[in-house]
Protein backbone atom coordinates (compact mmCIF):
# COMPACT_ATOMS: atom_id res chain seq x y z
CA MET A 1 -0.41 13.47 -8.03
CA HIS A 2 -1.29 11.19 -5.13
CA TYR A 3 -1.17 7.44 -5.07
CA VAL A 4 -2.67 4.50 -3.25
CA TYR A 5 -0.22 1.64 -3.10
CA VAL A 6 -0.19 -1.96 -1.95
CA ILE A 7 3.02 -3.62 -0.88
CA LYS A 8 3.60 -7.23 0.06
CA SER A 9 6.18 -8.70 2.40
CA SER A 10 8.63 -10.96 0.63
CA PHE A 11 8.82 -13.36 3.60
CA TYR A 12 5.39 -13.14 5.20
CA ASP A 13 1.95 -13.41 3.65
CA THR A 14 0.99 -9.86 4.60
CA ARG A 15 0.03 -6.78 2.63
CA TYR A 16 0.14 -3.13 3.54
CA ILE A 17 -2.09 -0.49 1.94
CA GLY A 18 -1.14 3.17 2.07
CA SER A 19 -1.28 6.49 0.24
CA THR A 20 1.44 8.97 -0.61
CA ASP A 21 2.59 11.55 -3.13
CA ASN A 22 5.87 9.69 -3.76
CA VAL A 23 5.57 5.91 -3.97
CA LEU A 24 9.27 5.16 -4.47
CA LYS A 25 10.27 7.23 -1.42
CA ARG A 26 7.56 5.64 0.70
CA ILE A 27 8.56 2.06 -0.21
CA THR A 28 12.16 2.93 0.60
CA GLU A 29 11.00 4.13 4.04
CA HIS A 30 9.12 0.86 4.58
CA ASN A 31 12.19 -1.17 3.65
CA LYS A 32 14.48 0.91 5.90
CA GLY A 33 12.25 0.18 8.89
CA LYS A 34 10.98 3.74 9.35
CA CYS A 35 7.34 2.65 9.64
CA ARG A 36 6.34 0.86 12.81
CA TYR A 37 3.77 -1.53 11.32
CA THR A 38 6.00 -2.69 8.45
CA ARG A 39 9.34 -2.67 10.28
CA GLY A 40 9.37 -6.35 11.27
CA ARG A 41 8.14 -7.76 7.97
CA LYS A 42 10.61 -6.36 5.44
CA PRO A 43 11.60 -6.47 2.65
CA TRP A 44 8.51 -5.13 0.89
CA LYS A 45 7.64 -5.23 -2.78
CA LEU A 46 5.17 -2.99 -4.62
CA ILE A 47 2.37 -5.11 -6.06
CA TYR A 48 -0.29 -2.52 -6.98
CA GLN A 49 -0.82 1.22 -7.24
CA GLU A 50 -3.47 3.71 -8.38
CA GLU A 51 -3.07 7.40 -9.21
CA TYR A 52 -5.38 10.23 -8.09
CA GLN A 53 -5.51 13.98 -8.65
CA THR A 54 -6.04 14.90 -4.99
CA ARG A 55 -4.94 13.63 -1.61
CA SER A 56 -8.54 13.30 -0.45
CA GLU A 57 -9.42 11.02 -3.39
CA ALA A 58 -6.42 8.81 -2.62
CA MET A 59 -7.27 8.64 1.08
CA LYS A 60 -10.88 7.75 0.30
CA ARG A 61 -9.72 4.89 -1.95
CA GLU A 62 -7.19 3.74 0.68
CA LYS A 63 -9.96 3.58 3.25
CA PHE A 64 -12.09 1.48 0.87
CA LEU A 65 -9.23 -0.93 0.11
CA LYS A 66 -8.71 -1.46 3.84
CA SER A 67 -12.39 -2.44 4.29
CA GLY A 68 -13.63 -6.00 3.94
CA GLN A 69 -15.16 -5.31 0.54
CA GLY A 70 -11.98 -3.56 -0.61
CA ARG A 71 -9.77 -6.44 0.52
CA ARG A 72 -11.95 -8.89 -1.40
CA TRP A 73 -11.71 -6.63 -4.48
CA LEU A 74 -7.92 -6.54 -4.12
CA ASP A 75 -7.72 -10.32 -3.70
CA GLU A 76 -9.66 -10.77 -6.94
CA LYS A 77 -7.64 -8.09 -8.79
CA LEU A 78 -4.27 -9.51 -7.73
CA LYS A 79 -5.00 -13.15 -8.64
């Protein structure tokens, strides 16, 4: 299985959207500072995830969620 996940910084009003085959491992990497973009904004908390059968489906959804329309959809979903 592959996942699209959204994490939010506990101290800053920022979100990060990504995809992976192991959400728990990936969030641990974000919180250990192993990812350049998220390093300075930790700790991170998982706020949303979706499951997909293939990596390509997950990456397609990730790309949508990073678009303007996808961000608006996420804002509405996470209210």
